[in-house]
Amino acid sequence: MTEIIDCEKEGFNSVFKSDFWQVASARYAKSYSKEDFTYMKRHLKTDEVFTLIEGEAVLHTVEDGKAADIKIEKGKIYCVHKGTWHYLELSSDALLIIVENKDVFPEDTERMELECLLRK
């Protein structure tokens, strides 16, 4: 059997789950806007992989107290390793594919306000 999955809904959408991992799509929503960039999250037990299909995206990270803003390029795979603080900013026409462990939310995710994180 072959399954074809629509990735047109805005925001984060888990579109396929196996026994251990999931594939999700992310399209622009307020939670992926520059204005909403007031917090970051990290996963304690799993890496997370991003691939840009359409539009533009920026991956904001903080690792060992150092902030980075990485422009995501189409055709490349970006792996955010477990424990790395991150936030995705998406353009209004963006489509991003995400692969991660199936149980990543909420058991494996911490969230921290950006102000507090950058003061560390």
PDB file of N, CA and C in Angstrom:
ATOM      1  N   MET A   1       0.843  -1.185   0.000  1.00  0.00           N
ATOM      2  CA  MET A   1       0.000   0.000   0.000  1.00  0.00           C
ATOM      3  C   MET A   1       0.888   1.247   0.000  1.00  0.00           C
ATOM      4  N   THR A   2       0.490   2.239  -0.735  1.00  0.00           N
ATOM      5  CA  THR A   2       1.170   3.529  -0.759  1.00  0.00           C
ATOM      6  C   THR A   2       0.208   4.578  -0.240  1.00  0.00           C
ATOM      7  N   GLU A   3       0.672   5.380   0.698  1.00  0.00           N
ATOM      8  CA  GLU A   3      -0.160   6.423   1.278  1.00  0.00           C
ATOM      9  C   GLU A   3       0.343   7.780   0.786  1.00  0.00           C
ATOM     10  N   ILE A   4      -0.557   8.629   0.356  1.00  0.00           N
ATOM     11  CA  ILE A   4      -0.211   9.981  -0.077  1.00  0.00           C
ATOM     12  C   ILE A   4      -0.817  10.943   0.932  1.00  0.00           C
ATOM     13  N   ILE A   5       0.018  11.824   1.478  1.00  0.00           N
ATOM     14  CA  ILE A   5      -0.410  12.677   2.584  1.00  0.00           C
ATOM     15  C   ILE A   5      -0.324  14.141   2.168  1.00  0.00           C
ATOM     16  N   ASP A   6      -1.385  14.875   2.409  1.00  0.00           N
ATOM     17  CA  ASP A   6      -1.456  16.304   2.112  1.00  0.00           C
ATOM     18  C   ASP A   6      -0.731  17.091   3.207  1.00  0.00           C
ATOM     19  N   CYS A   7       0.084  18.045   2.821  1.00  0.00           N
ATOM     20  CA  CYS A   7       0.842  18.865   3.778  1.00  0.00           C
ATOM     21  C   CYS A   7       0.447  20.331   3.661  1.00  0.00           C
ATOM     22  N   GLU A   8      -0.820  20.607   3.484  1.00  0.00           N
ATOM     23  CA  GLU A   8      -1.269  21.980   3.236  1.00  0.00           C
ATOM     24  C   GLU A   8      -1.719  22.724   4.482  1.00  0.00           C
ATOM     25  N   LYS A   9      -1.958  22.035   5.602  1.00  0.00           N
ATOM     26  CA  LYS A   9      -2.434  22.724   6.807  1.00  0.00           C
ATOM     27  C   LYS A   9      -1.333  23.591   7.404  1.00  0.00           C
ATOM     28  N   GLU A  10      -1.716  24.745   7.941  1.00  0.00           N
ATOM     29  CA  GLU A  10      -0.713  25.614   8.556  1.00  0.00           C
ATOM     30  C   GLU A  10      -0.297  25.075   9.917  1.00  0.00           C
ATOM     31  N   GLY A  11       0.857  25.544  10.389  1.00  0.00           N
ATOM     32  CA  GLY A  11       1.378  25.117  11.673  1.00  0.00           C
ATOM     33  C   GLY A  11       2.067  23.760  11.585  1.00  0.00           C
ATOM     34  N   PHE A  12       2.290  23.146  12.755  1.00  0.00           N
ATOM     35  CA  PHE A  12       2.945  21.843  12.865  1.00  0.00           C
ATOM     36  C   PHE A  12       1.886  20.758  12.765  1.00  0.00           C
ATOM     37  N   ASN A  13       2.121  19.781  11.897  1.00  0.00           N
ATOM     38  CA  ASN A  13       1.177  18.681  11.727  1.00  0.00           C
ATOM     39  C   ASN A  13       1.924  17.366  11.601  1.00  0.00           C
ATOM     40  N   SER A  14       1.690  16.459  12.539  1.00  0.00           N
ATOM     41  CA  SER A  14       2.256  15.129  12.433  1.00  0.00           C
ATOM     42  C   SER A  14       1.487  14.409  11.334  1.00  0.00           C
ATOM     43  N   VAL A  15       2.179  14.032  10.262  1.00  0.00           N
ATOM     44  CA  VAL A  15       1.484  13.457   9.107  1.00  0.00           C
ATOM     45  C   VAL A  15       1.687  11.958   8.963  1.00  0.00           C
ATOM     46  N   PHE A  16       2.706  11.409   9.640  1.00  0.00           N
ATOM     47  CA  PHE A  16       2.939   9.965   9.575  1.00  0.00           C
ATOM     48  C   PHE A  16       3.688   9.537  10.826  1.00  0.00           C
ATOM     49  N   LYS A  17       3.242   8.441  11.432  1.00  0.00           N
ATOM     50  CA  LYS A  17       3.933   7.897  12.605  1.00  0.00           C
ATOM     51  C   LYS A  17       4.230   6.424  12.382  1.00  0.00           C
ATOM     52  N   SER A  18       5.452   6.040  12.729  1.00  0.00           N
ATOM     53  CA  SER A  18       5.806   4.628  12.743  1.00  0.00           C
ATOM     54  C   SER A  18       5.834   4.203  14.209  1.00  0.00           C
ATOM     55  N   ASP A  19       6.407   3.042  14.483  1.00  0.00           N
ATOM     56  CA  ASP A  19       6.507   2.597  15.867  1.00  0.00           C
ATOM     57  C   ASP A  19       7.396   3.509  16.704  1.00  0.00           C
ATOM     58  N   PHE A  20       8.417   4.118  16.085  1.00  0.00           N
ATOM     59  CA  PHE A  20       9.411   4.865  16.852  1.00  0.00           C
ATOM     60  C   PHE A  20       9.601   6.318  16.430  1.00  0.00           C
ATOM     61  N   TRP A  21       9.244   6.689  15.215  1.00  0.00           N
ATOM     62  CA  TRP A  21       9.502   8.040  14.724  1.00  0.00           C
ATOM     63  C   TRP A  21       8.286   8.584  14.000  1.00  0.00           C
ATOM     64  N   GLN A  22       8.337   9.903  13.725  1.00  0.00           N
ATOM     65  CA  GLN A  22       7.242  10.538  13.009  1.00  0.00           C
ATOM     66  C   GLN A  22       7.776  11.526  11.982  1.00  0.00           C
ATOM     67  N   VAL A  23       6.974  11.755  10.962  1.00  0.00           N
ATOM     68  CA  VAL A  23       7.236  12.785   9.967  1.00  0.00           C
ATOM     69  C   VAL A  23       6.148  13.825  10.154  1.00  0.00           C
ATOM     70  N   ALA A  24       6.570  15.091  10.168  1.00  0.00           N
ATOM     71  CA  ALA A  24       5.615  16.187  10.325  1.00  0.00           C
ATOM     72  C   ALA A  24       5.870  17.219   9.239  1.00  0.00           C
ATOM     73  N   SER A  25       4.844  18.003   8.967  1.00  0.00           N
ATOM     74  CA  SER A  25       5.012  19.150   8.087  1.00  0.00           C
ATOM     75  C   SER A  25       4.829  20.401   8.930  1.00  0.00           C
ATOM     76  N   ALA A  26       5.485  21.464   8.513  1.00  0.00           N
ATOM     77  CA  ALA A  26       5.313  22.761   9.167  1.00  0.00           C
ATOM     78  C   ALA A  26       5.104  23.800   8.079  1.00  0.00           C
ATOM     79  N   ARG A  27       4.019  24.509   8.187  1.00  0.00           N
ATOM     80  CA  ARG A  27       3.715  25.643   7.320  1.00  0.00           C
ATOM     81  C   ARG A  27       3.571  26.856   8.218  1.00  0.00           C
ATOM     82  N   TYR A  28       3.707  28.020   7.617  1.00  0.00           N
ATOM     83  CA  TYR A  28       3.643  29.247   8.403  1.00  0.00           C
ATOM     84  C   TYR A  28       2.389  29.284   9.280  1.00  0.00           C
ATOM     85  N   ALA A  29       2.588  29.708  10.494  1.00  0.00           N
ATOM     86  CA  ALA A  29       1.543  30.039  11.459  1.00  0.00           C
ATOM     87  C   ALA A  29       2.178  31.078  12.374  1.00  0.00           C
ATOM     88  N   LYS A  30       1.392  31.778  13.145  1.00  0.00           N
ATOM     89  CA  LYS A  30       1.938  32.816  14.026  1.00  0.00           C
ATOM     90  C   LYS A  30       3.063  32.273  14.916  1.00  0.00           C
ATOM     91  N   SER A  31       2.948  31.029  15.315  1.00  0.00           N
ATOM     92  CA  SER A  31       3.966  30.432  16.191  1.00  0.00           C
ATOM     93  C   SER A  31       5.326  30.297  15.509  1.00  0.00           C
ATOM     94  N   TYR A  32       5.388  30.468  14.184  1.00  0.00           N
ATOM     95  CA  TYR A  32       6.655  30.412  13.445  1.00  0.00           C
ATOM     96  C   TYR A  32       7.062  31.797  12.929  1.00  0.00           C
ATOM     97  N   SER A  33       6.513  32.857  13.506  1.00  0.00           N
ATOM     98  CA  SER A  33       6.796  34.212  13.035  1.00  0.00           C
ATOM     99  C   SER A  33       7.914  34.863  13.844  1.00  0.00           C
ATOM    100  N   LYS A  34       8.503  35.909  13.269  1.00  0.00           N
ATOM    101  CA  LYS A  34       9.542  36.684  13.954  1.00  0.00           C
ATOM    102  C   LYS A  34       8.959  37.315  15.221  1.00  0.00           C
ATOM    103  N   GLU A  35       7.693  37.747  15.149  1.00  0.00           N
ATOM    104  CA  GLU A  35       7.037  38.380  16.297  1.00  0.00           C
ATOM    105  C   GLU A  35       6.852  37.418  17.462  1.00  0.00           C
ATOM    106  N   ASP A  36       6.703  36.151  17.171  1.00  0.00           N
ATOM    107  CA  ASP A  36       6.477  35.153  18.224  1.00  0.00           C
ATOM    108  C   ASP A  36       7.782  34.540  18.737  1.00  0.00           C
ATOM    109  N   PHE A  37       8.908  35.027  18.224  1.00  0.00           N
ATOM    110  CA  PHE A  37      10.218  34.489  18.614  1.00  0.00           C
ATOM    111  C   PHE A  37      10.612  35.037  19.991  1.00  0.00           C
ATOM    112  N   THR A  38       9.942  34.542  21.012  1.00  0.00           N
ATOM    113  CA  THR A  38      10.188  34.969  22.387  1.00  0.00           C
ATOM    114  C   THR A  38      10.630  33.799  23.269  1.00  0.00           C
ATOM    115  N   TYR A  39      10.673  32.608  22.691  1.00  0.00           N
ATOM    116  CA  TYR A  39      11.053  31.417  23.439  1.00  0.00           C
ATOM    117  C   TYR A  39      11.805  30.459  22.512  1.00  0.00           C
ATOM    118  N   MET A  40      12.469  29.489  23.125  1.00  0.00           N
ATOM    119  CA  MET A  40      13.103  28.405  22.365  1.00  0.00           C
ATOM    120  C   MET A  40      12.727  27.097  23.044  1.00  0.00           C
ATOM    121  N   LYS A  41      12.920  26.005  22.305  1.00  0.00           N
ATOM    122  CA  LYS A  41      12.663  24.696  22.898  1.00  0.00           C
ATOM    123  C   LYS A  41      13.834  23.779  22.599  1.00  0.00           C
ATOM    124  N   ARG A  42      13.906  22.690  23.354  1.00  0.00           N
ATOM    125  CA  ARG A  42      14.912  21.665  23.093  1.00  0.00           C
ATOM    126  C   ARG A  42      14.327  20.311  23.457  1.00  0.00           C
ATOM    127  N   HIS A  43      14.869  19.296  22.790  1.00  0.00           N
ATOM    128  CA  HIS A  43      14.452  17.927  23.049  1.00  0.00           C
ATOM    129  C   HIS A  43      15.599  17.239  23.779  1.00  0.00           C
ATOM    130  N   LEU A  44      15.278  16.565  24.857  1.00  0.00           N
ATOM    131  CA  LEU A  44      16.300  16.006  25.737  1.00  0.00           C
ATOM    132  C   LEU A  44      16.812  14.647  25.291  1.00  0.00           C
ATOM    133  N   LYS A  45      15.997  13.891  24.545  1.00  0.00           N
ATOM    134  CA  LYS A  45      16.372  12.520  24.210  1.00  0.00           C
ATOM    135  C   LYS A  45      16.458  12.233  22.723  1.00  0.00           C
ATOM    136  N   THR A  46      16.179  13.208  21.876  1.00  0.00           N
ATOM    137  CA  THR A  46      16.127  12.927  20.445  1.00  0.00           C
ATOM    138  C   THR A  46      16.675  14.077  19.609  1.00  0.00           C
ATOM    139  N   ASP A  47      17.248  13.729  18.481  1.00  0.00           N
ATOM    140  CA  ASP A  47      17.607  14.702  17.463  1.00  0.00           C
ATOM    141  C   ASP A  47      16.341  15.034  16.678  1.00  0.00           C
ATOM    142  N   GLU A  48      16.407  16.123  15.891  1.00  0.00           N
ATOM    143  CA  GLU A  48      15.284  16.525  15.053  1.00  0.00           C
ATOM    144  C   GLU A  48      15.856  16.975  13.710  1.00  0.00           C
ATOM    145  N   VAL A  49      15.240  16.527  12.624  1.00  0.00           N
ATOM    146  CA  VAL A  49      15.755  16.800  11.288  1.00  0.00           C
ATOM    147  C   VAL A  49      14.754  17.673  10.529  1.00  0.00           C
ATOM    148  N   PHE A  50      15.288  18.701   9.831  1.00  0.00           N
ATOM    149  CA  PHE A  50      14.467  19.625   9.047  1.00  0.00           C
ATOM    150  C   PHE A  50      14.933  19.626   7.599  1.00  0.00           C
ATOM    151  N   THR A  51      13.968  19.655   6.675  1.00  0.00           N
ATOM    152  CA  THR A  51      14.254  19.819   5.250  1.00  0.00           C
ATOM    153  C   THR A  51      13.254  20.818   4.682  1.00  0.00           C
ATOM    154  N   LEU A  52      13.754  21.882   4.056  1.00  0.00           N
ATOM    155  CA  LEU A  52      12.905  22.910   3.478  1.00  0.00           C
ATOM    156  C   LEU A  52      12.481  22.495   2.072  1.00  0.00           C
ATOM    157  N   ILE A  53      11.182  22.543   1.813  1.00  0.00           N
ATOM    158  CA  ILE A  53      10.626  22.181   0.514  1.00  0.00           C
ATOM    159  C   ILE A  53      10.253  23.436  -0.287  1.00  0.00           C
ATOM    160  N   GLU A  54       9.613  24.396   0.373  1.00  0.00           N
ATOM    161  CA  GLU A  54       9.174  25.637  -0.268  1.00  0.00           C
ATOM    162  C   GLU A  54       9.432  26.814   0.650  1.00  0.00           C
ATOM    163  N   GLY A  55       9.531  28.010   0.056  1.00  0.00           N
ATOM    164  CA  GLY A  55       9.632  29.234   0.835  1.00  0.00           C
ATOM    165  C   GLY A  55      10.989  29.415   1.476  1.00  0.00           C
ATOM    166  N   GLU A  56      10.985  30.133   2.599  1.00  0.00           N
ATOM    167  CA  GLU A  56      12.219  30.433   3.324  1.00  0.00           C
ATOM    168  C   GLU A  56      12.047  30.086   4.798  1.00  0.00           C
ATOM    169  N   ALA A  57      13.170  29.756   5.440  1.00  0.00           N
ATOM    170  CA  ALA A  57      13.145  29.422   6.862  1.00  0.00           C
ATOM    171  C   ALA A  57      14.483  29.782   7.491  1.00  0.00           C
ATOM    172  N   VAL A  58      14.420  30.160   8.760  1.00  0.00           N
ATOM    173  CA  VAL A  58      15.621  30.432   9.540  1.00  0.00           C
ATOM    174  C   VAL A  58      15.550  29.572  10.794  1.00  0.00           C
ATOM    175  N   LEU A  59      16.638  28.893  11.071  1.00  0.00           N
ATOM    176  CA  LEU A  59      16.760  28.080  12.275  1.00  0.00           C
ATOM    177  C   LEU A  59      17.604  28.865  13.274  1.00  0.00           C
ATOM    178  N   HIS A  60      16.973  29.279  14.375  1.00  0.00           N
ATOM    179  CA  HIS A  60      17.672  29.999  15.439  1.00  0.00           C
ATOM    180  C   HIS A  60      18.080  28.979  16.495  1.00  0.00           C
ATOM    181  N   THR A  61      19.337  28.994  16.899  1.00  0.00           N
ATOM    182  CA  THR A  61      19.816  28.051  17.913  1.00  0.00           C
ATOM    183  C   THR A  61      20.627  28.771  18.979  1.00  0.00           C
ATOM    184  N   VAL A  62      20.685  28.168  20.148  1.00  0.00           N
ATOM    185  CA  VAL A  62      21.598  28.585  21.208  1.00  0.00           C
ATOM    186  C   VAL A  62      22.251  27.326  21.725  1.00  0.00           C
ATOM    187  N   GLU A  63      23.577  27.303  21.656  1.00  0.00           N
ATOM    188  CA  GLU A  63      24.349  26.145  22.090  1.00  0.00           C
ATOM    189  C   GLU A  63      25.564  26.641  22.849  1.00  0.00           C
ATOM    190  N   ASP A  64      25.749  26.159  24.069  1.00  0.00           N
ATOM    191  CA  ASP A  64      26.856  26.591  24.923  1.00  0.00           C
ATOM    192  C   ASP A  64      26.889  28.106  25.064  1.00  0.00           C
ATOM    193  N   GLY A  65      25.696  28.722  25.182  1.00  0.00           N
ATOM    194  CA  GLY A  65      25.599  30.164  25.367  1.00  0.00           C
ATOM    195  C   GLY A  65      25.804  30.993  24.112  1.00  0.00           C
ATOM    196  N   LYS A  66      26.006  30.358  22.962  1.00  0.00           N
ATOM    197  CA  LYS A  66      26.232  31.080  21.710  1.00  0.00           C
ATOM    198  C   LYS A  66      25.011  30.958  20.812  1.00  0.00           C
ATOM    199  N   ALA A  67      24.509  32.115  20.361  1.00  0.00           N
ATOM    200  CA  ALA A  67      23.344  32.142  19.482  1.00  0.00           C
ATOM    201  C   ALA A  67      23.787  32.103  18.029  1.00  0.00           C
ATOM    202  N   ALA A  68      22.997  31.430  17.191  1.00  0.00           N
ATOM    203  CA  ALA A  68      23.256  31.375  15.751  1.00  0.00           C
ATOM    204  C   ALA A  68      21.926  31.460  15.012  1.00  0.00           C
ATOM    205  N   ASP A  69      21.933  32.128  13.871  1.00  0.00           N
ATOM    206  CA  ASP A  69      20.779  32.220  12.990  1.00  0.00           C
ATOM    207  C   ASP A  69      21.192  31.590  11.666  1.00  0.00           C
ATOM    208  N   ILE A  70      20.614  30.444  11.353  1.00  0.00           N
ATOM    209  CA  ILE A  70      21.026  29.663  10.185  1.00  0.00           C
ATOM    210  C   ILE A  70      19.921  29.720   9.143  1.00  0.00           C
ATOM    211  N   LYS A  71      20.219  30.298   7.989  1.00  0.00           N
ATOM    212  CA  LYS A  71      19.241  30.307   6.894  1.00  0.00           C
ATOM    213  C   LYS A  71      19.195  28.901   6.306  1.00  0.00           C
ATOM    214  N   ILE A  72      18.011  28.296   6.326  1.00  0.00           N
ATOM    215  CA  ILE A  72      17.849  26.942   5.822  1.00  0.00           C
ATOM    216  C   ILE A  72      17.755  26.995   4.297  1.00  0.00           C
ATOM    217  N   GLU A  73      18.545  26.159   3.646  1.00  0.00           N
ATOM    218  CA  GLU A  73      18.558  26.096   2.188  1.00  0.00           C
ATOM    219  C   GLU A  73      17.812  24.852   1.715  1.00  0.00           C
ATOM    220  N   LYS A  74      17.101  25.003   0.603  1.00  0.00           N
ATOM    221  CA  LYS A  74      16.413  23.860   0.005  1.00  0.00           C
ATOM    222  C   LYS A  74      17.443  22.826  -0.438  1.00  0.00           C
ATOM    223  N   GLY A  75      17.087  21.565  -0.307  1.00  0.00           N
ATOM    224  CA  GLY A  75      17.963  20.498  -0.760  1.00  0.00           C
ATOM    225  C   GLY A  75      19.008  20.074   0.250  1.00  0.00           C
ATOM    226  N   LYS A  76      19.002  20.692   1.431  1.00  0.00           N
ATOM    227  CA  LYS A  76      19.931  20.298   2.491  1.00  0.00           C
ATOM    228  C   LYS A  76      19.135  19.798   3.680  1.00  0.00           C
ATOM    229  N   ILE A  77      19.751  18.942   4.450  1.00  0.00           N
ATOM    230  CA  ILE A  77      19.129  18.395   5.659  1.00  0.00           C
ATOM    231  C   ILE A  77      19.819  19.005   6.861  1.00  0.00           C
ATOM    232  N   TYR A  78      19.017  19.505   7.794  1.00  0.00           N
ATOM    233  CA  TYR A  78      19.542  20.150   8.998  1.00  0.00           C
ATOM    234  C   TYR A  78      19.156  19.298  10.197  1.00  0.00           C
ATOM    235  N   CYS A  79      20.142  18.881  10.960  1.00  0.00           N
ATOM    236  CA  CYS A  79      19.894  18.055  12.141  1.00  0.00           C
ATOM    237  C   CYS A  79      20.209  18.870  13.391  1.00  0.00           C
ATOM    238  N   VAL A  80      19.199  19.078  14.212  1.00  0.00           N
ATOM    239  CA  VAL A  80      19.385  19.732  15.505  1.00  0.00           C
ATOM    240  C   VAL A  80      19.542  18.604  16.514  1.00  0.00           C
ATOM    241  N   HIS A  81      20.725  18.506  17.093  1.00  0.00           N
ATOM    242  CA  HIS A  81      20.998  17.411  18.020  1.00  0.00           C
ATOM    243  C   HIS A  81      20.305  17.634  19.358  1.00  0.00           C
ATOM    244  N   LYS A  82      20.014  16.532  20.024  1.00  0.00           N
ATOM    245  CA  LYS A  82      19.317  16.606  21.311  1.00  0.00           C
ATOM    246  C   LYS A  82      20.040  17.565  22.245  1.00  0.00           C
ATOM    247  N   GLY A  83      19.243  18.297  23.016  1.00  0.00           N
ATOM    248  CA  GLY A  83      19.780  19.243  23.978  1.00  0.00           C
ATOM    249  C   GLY A  83      20.059  20.625  23.418  1.00  0.00           C
ATOM    250  N   THR A  84      19.910  20.827  22.114  1.00  0.00           N
ATOM    251  CA  THR A  84      20.176  22.128  21.499  1.00  0.00           C
ATOM    252  C   THR A  84      18.896  22.970  21.504  1.00  0.00           C
ATOM    253  N   TRP A  85      18.963  24.163  22.069  1.00  0.00           N
ATOM    254  CA  TRP A  85      17.833  25.081  22.066  1.00  0.00           C
ATOM    255  C   TRP A  85      17.620  25.565  20.633  1.00  0.00           C
ATOM    256  N   HIS A  86      16.358  25.630  20.187  1.00  0.00           N
ATOM    257  CA  HIS A  86      16.089  26.044  18.808  1.00  0.00           C
ATOM    258  C   HIS A  86      14.698  26.639  18.647  1.00  0.00           C
ATOM    259  N   TYR A  87      14.557  27.398  17.560  1.00  0.00           N
ATOM    260  CA  TYR A  87      13.282  28.004  17.170  1.00  0.00           C
ATOM    261  C   TYR A  87      13.283  28.124  15.654  1.00  0.00           C
ATOM    262  N   LEU A  88      12.182  27.816  15.017  1.00  0.00           N
ATOM    263  CA  LEU A  88      12.055  27.937  13.564  1.00  0.00           C
ATOM    264  C   LEU A  88      11.243  29.174  13.212  1.00  0.00           C
ATOM    265  N   GLU A  89      11.756  29.937  12.265  1.00  0.00           N
ATOM    266  CA  GLU A  89      11.033  31.077  11.716  1.00  0.00           C
ATOM    267  C   GLU A  89      10.746  30.756  10.250  1.00  0.00           C
ATOM    268  N   LEU A  90       9.477  30.825   9.854  1.00  0.00           N
ATOM    269  CA  LEU A  90       9.075  30.444   8.505  1.00  0.00           C
ATOM    270  C   LEU A  90       8.443  31.611   7.756  1.00  0.00           C
ATOM    271  N   SER A  91       8.714  31.690   6.449  1.00  0.00           N
ATOM    272  CA  SER A  91       8.039  32.672   5.604  1.00  0.00           C
ATOM    273  C   SER A  91       6.595  32.224   5.380  1.00  0.00           C
ATOM    274  N   SER A  92       5.772  33.129   4.888  1.00  0.00           N
ATOM    275  CA  SER A  92       4.346  32.827   4.727  1.00  0.00           C
ATOM    276  C   SER A  92       4.079  31.706   3.722  1.00  0.00           C
ATOM    277  N   ASP A  93       5.048  31.432   2.834  1.00  0.00           N
ATOM    278  CA  ASP A  93       4.862  30.382   1.825  1.00  0.00           C
ATOM    279  C   ASP A  93       5.712  29.136   2.100  1.00  0.00           C
ATOM    280  N   ALA A  94       6.247  29.025   3.305  1.00  0.00           N
ATOM    281  CA  ALA A  94       7.186  27.933   3.616  1.00  0.00           C
ATOM    282  C   ALA A  94       6.480  26.597   3.849  1.00  0.00           C
ATOM    283  N   LEU A  95       7.174  25.543   3.445  1.00  0.00           N
ATOM    284  CA  LEU A  95       6.803  24.165   3.791  1.00  0.00           C
ATOM    285  C   LEU A  95       8.086  23.476   4.222  1.00  0.00           C
ATOM    286  N   LEU A  96       8.084  22.981   5.440  1.00  0.00           N
ATOM    287  CA  LEU A  96       9.234  22.310   6.026  1.00  0.00           C
ATOM    288  C   LEU A  96       8.802  20.903   6.403  1.00  0.00           C
ATOM    289  N   ILE A  97       9.663  19.918   6.148  1.00  0.00           N
ATOM    290  CA  ILE A  97       9.407  18.546   6.584  1.00  0.00           C
ATOM    291  C   ILE A  97      10.300  18.279   7.793  1.00  0.00           C
ATOM    292  N   ILE A  98       9.718  17.672   8.821  1.00  0.00           N
ATOM    293  CA  ILE A  98      10.406  17.420  10.091  1.00  0.00           C
ATOM    294  C   ILE A  98      10.340  15.922  10.385  1.00  0.00           C
ATOM    295  N   VAL A  99      11.478  15.357  10.806  1.00  0.00           N
ATOM    296  CA  VAL A  99      11.518  13.953  11.229  1.00  0.00           C
ATOM    297  C   VAL A  99      12.078  13.928  12.644  1.00  0.00           C
ATOM    298  N   GLU A 100      11.401  13.203  13.518  1.00  0.00           N
ATOM    299  CA  GLU A 100      11.812  13.144  14.924  1.00  0.00           C
ATOM    300  C   GLU A 100      11.212  11.907  15.578  1.00  0.00           C
ATOM    301  N   ASN A 101      11.643  11.620  16.802  1.00  0.00           N
ATOM    302  CA  ASN A 101      11.060  10.498  17.542  1.00  0.00           C
ATOM    303  C   ASN A 101       9.570  10.734  17.746  1.00  0.00           C
ATOM    304  N   LYS A 102       8.819   9.668  17.773  1.00  0.00           N
ATOM    305  CA  LYS A 102       7.369   9.746  17.915  1.00  0.00           C
ATOM    306  C   LYS A 102       6.945  10.362  19.245  1.00  0.00           C
ATOM    307  N   ASP A 103       7.687  10.117  20.309  1.00  0.00           N
ATOM    308  CA  ASP A 103       7.286  10.588  21.640  1.00  0.00           C
ATOM    309  C   ASP A 103       7.962  11.901  22.040  1.00  0.00           C
ATOM    310  N   VAL A 104       8.295  12.736  21.057  1.00  0.00           N
ATOM    311  CA  VAL A 104       9.046  13.953  21.349  1.00  0.00           C
ATOM    312  C   VAL A 104       8.234  14.976  22.154  1.00  0.00           C
ATOM    313  N   PHE A 105       6.926  15.020  21.981  1.00  0.00           N
ATOM    314  CA  PHE A 105       6.099  15.979  22.727  1.00  0.00           C
ATOM    315  C   PHE A 105       5.169  15.237  23.644  1.00  0.00           C
ATOM    316  N   PRO A 106       4.854  15.671  24.814  1.00  0.00           N
ATOM    317  CA  PRO A 106       5.555  16.689  25.593  1.00  0.00           C
ATOM    318  C   PRO A 106       6.648  16.113  26.482  1.00  0.00           C
ATOM    319  N   GLU A 107       6.741  14.794  26.511  1.00  0.00           N
ATOM    320  CA  GLU A 107       7.645  14.136  27.461  1.00  0.00           C
ATOM    321  C   GLU A 107       9.104  14.536  27.294  1.00  0.00           C
ATOM    322  N   ASP A 108       9.513  14.869  26.092  1.00  0.00           N
ATOM    323  CA  ASP A 108      10.924  15.064  25.786  1.00  0.00           C
ATOM    324  C   ASP A 108      11.288  16.524  25.495  1.00  0.00           C
ATOM    325  N   THR A 109      10.377  17.454  25.734  1.00  0.00           N
ATOM    326  CA  THR A 109      10.600  18.827  25.299  1.00  0.00           C
ATOM    327  C   THR A 109      10.576  19.801  26.461  1.00  0.00           C
ATOM    328  N   GLU A 110      11.572  20.674  26.488  1.00  0.00           N
ATOM    329  CA  GLU A 110      11.605  21.791  27.430  1.00  0.00           C
ATOM    330  C   GLU A 110      11.454  23.077  26.638  1.00  0.00           C
ATOM    331  N   ARG A 111      10.883  24.082  27.260  1.00  0.00           N
ATOM    332  CA  ARG A 111      10.697  25.390  26.634  1.00  0.00           C
ATOM    333  C   ARG A 111      11.221  26.452  27.602  1.00  0.00           C
ATOM    334  N   MET A 112      11.912  27.461  27.068  1.00  0.00           N
ATOM    335  CA  MET A 112      12.435  28.530  27.910  1.00  0.00           C
ATOM    336  C   MET A 112      12.301  29.859  27.182  1.00  0.00           C
ATOM    337  N   GLU A 113      11.914  30.888  27.933  1.00  0.00           N
ATOM    338  CA  GLU A 113      11.820  32.227  27.363  1.00  0.00           C
ATOM    339  C   GLU A 113      13.201  32.660  26.881  1.00  0.00           C
ATOM    340  N   LEU A 114      13.227  33.325  25.745  1.00  0.00           N
ATOM    341  CA  LEU A 114      14.472  33.734  25.101  1.00  0.00           C
ATOM    342  C   LEU A 114      15.320  34.613  26.013  1.00  0.00           C
ATOM    343  N   GLU A 115      14.691  35.557  26.697  1.00  0.00           N
ATOM    344  CA  GLU A 115      15.425  36.439  27.620  1.00  0.00           C
ATOM    345  C   GLU A 115      16.192  35.639  28.670  1.00  0.00           C
ATOM    346  N   CYS A 116      15.548  34.670  29.264  1.00  0.00           N
ATOM    347  CA  CYS A 116      16.188  33.848  30.305  1.00  0.00           C
ATOM    348  C   CYS A 116      17.324  33.014  29.702  1.00  0.00           C
ATOM    349  N   LEU A 117      17.111  32.479  28.549  1.00  0.00           N
ATOM    350  CA  LEU A 117      18.104  31.615  27.901  1.00  0.00           C
ATOM    351  C   LEU A 117      19.367  32.387  27.554  1.00  0.00           C
ATOM    352  N   LEU A 118      19.208  33.593  27.052  1.00  0.00           N
ATOM    353  CA  LEU A 118      20.371  34.384  26.638  1.00  0.00           C
ATOM    354  C   LEU A 118      21.125  34.977  27.830  1.00  0.00           C
ATOM    355  N   ARG A 119      20.475  35.038  29.005  1.00  0.00           N
ATOM    356  CA  ARG A 119      21.152  35.518  30.212  1.00  0.00           C
ATOM    357  C   ARG A 119      22.042  34.484  30.849  1.00  0.00           C
ATOM    358  N   LYS A 120      21.843  33.205  30.482  1.00  0.00           N
ATOM    359  CA  LYS A 120      22.617  32.115  31.091  1.00  0.00           C
ATOM    360  C   LYS A 120      24.083  32.222  30.769  1.00  0.00           C
TER     361      LYS A 120
END
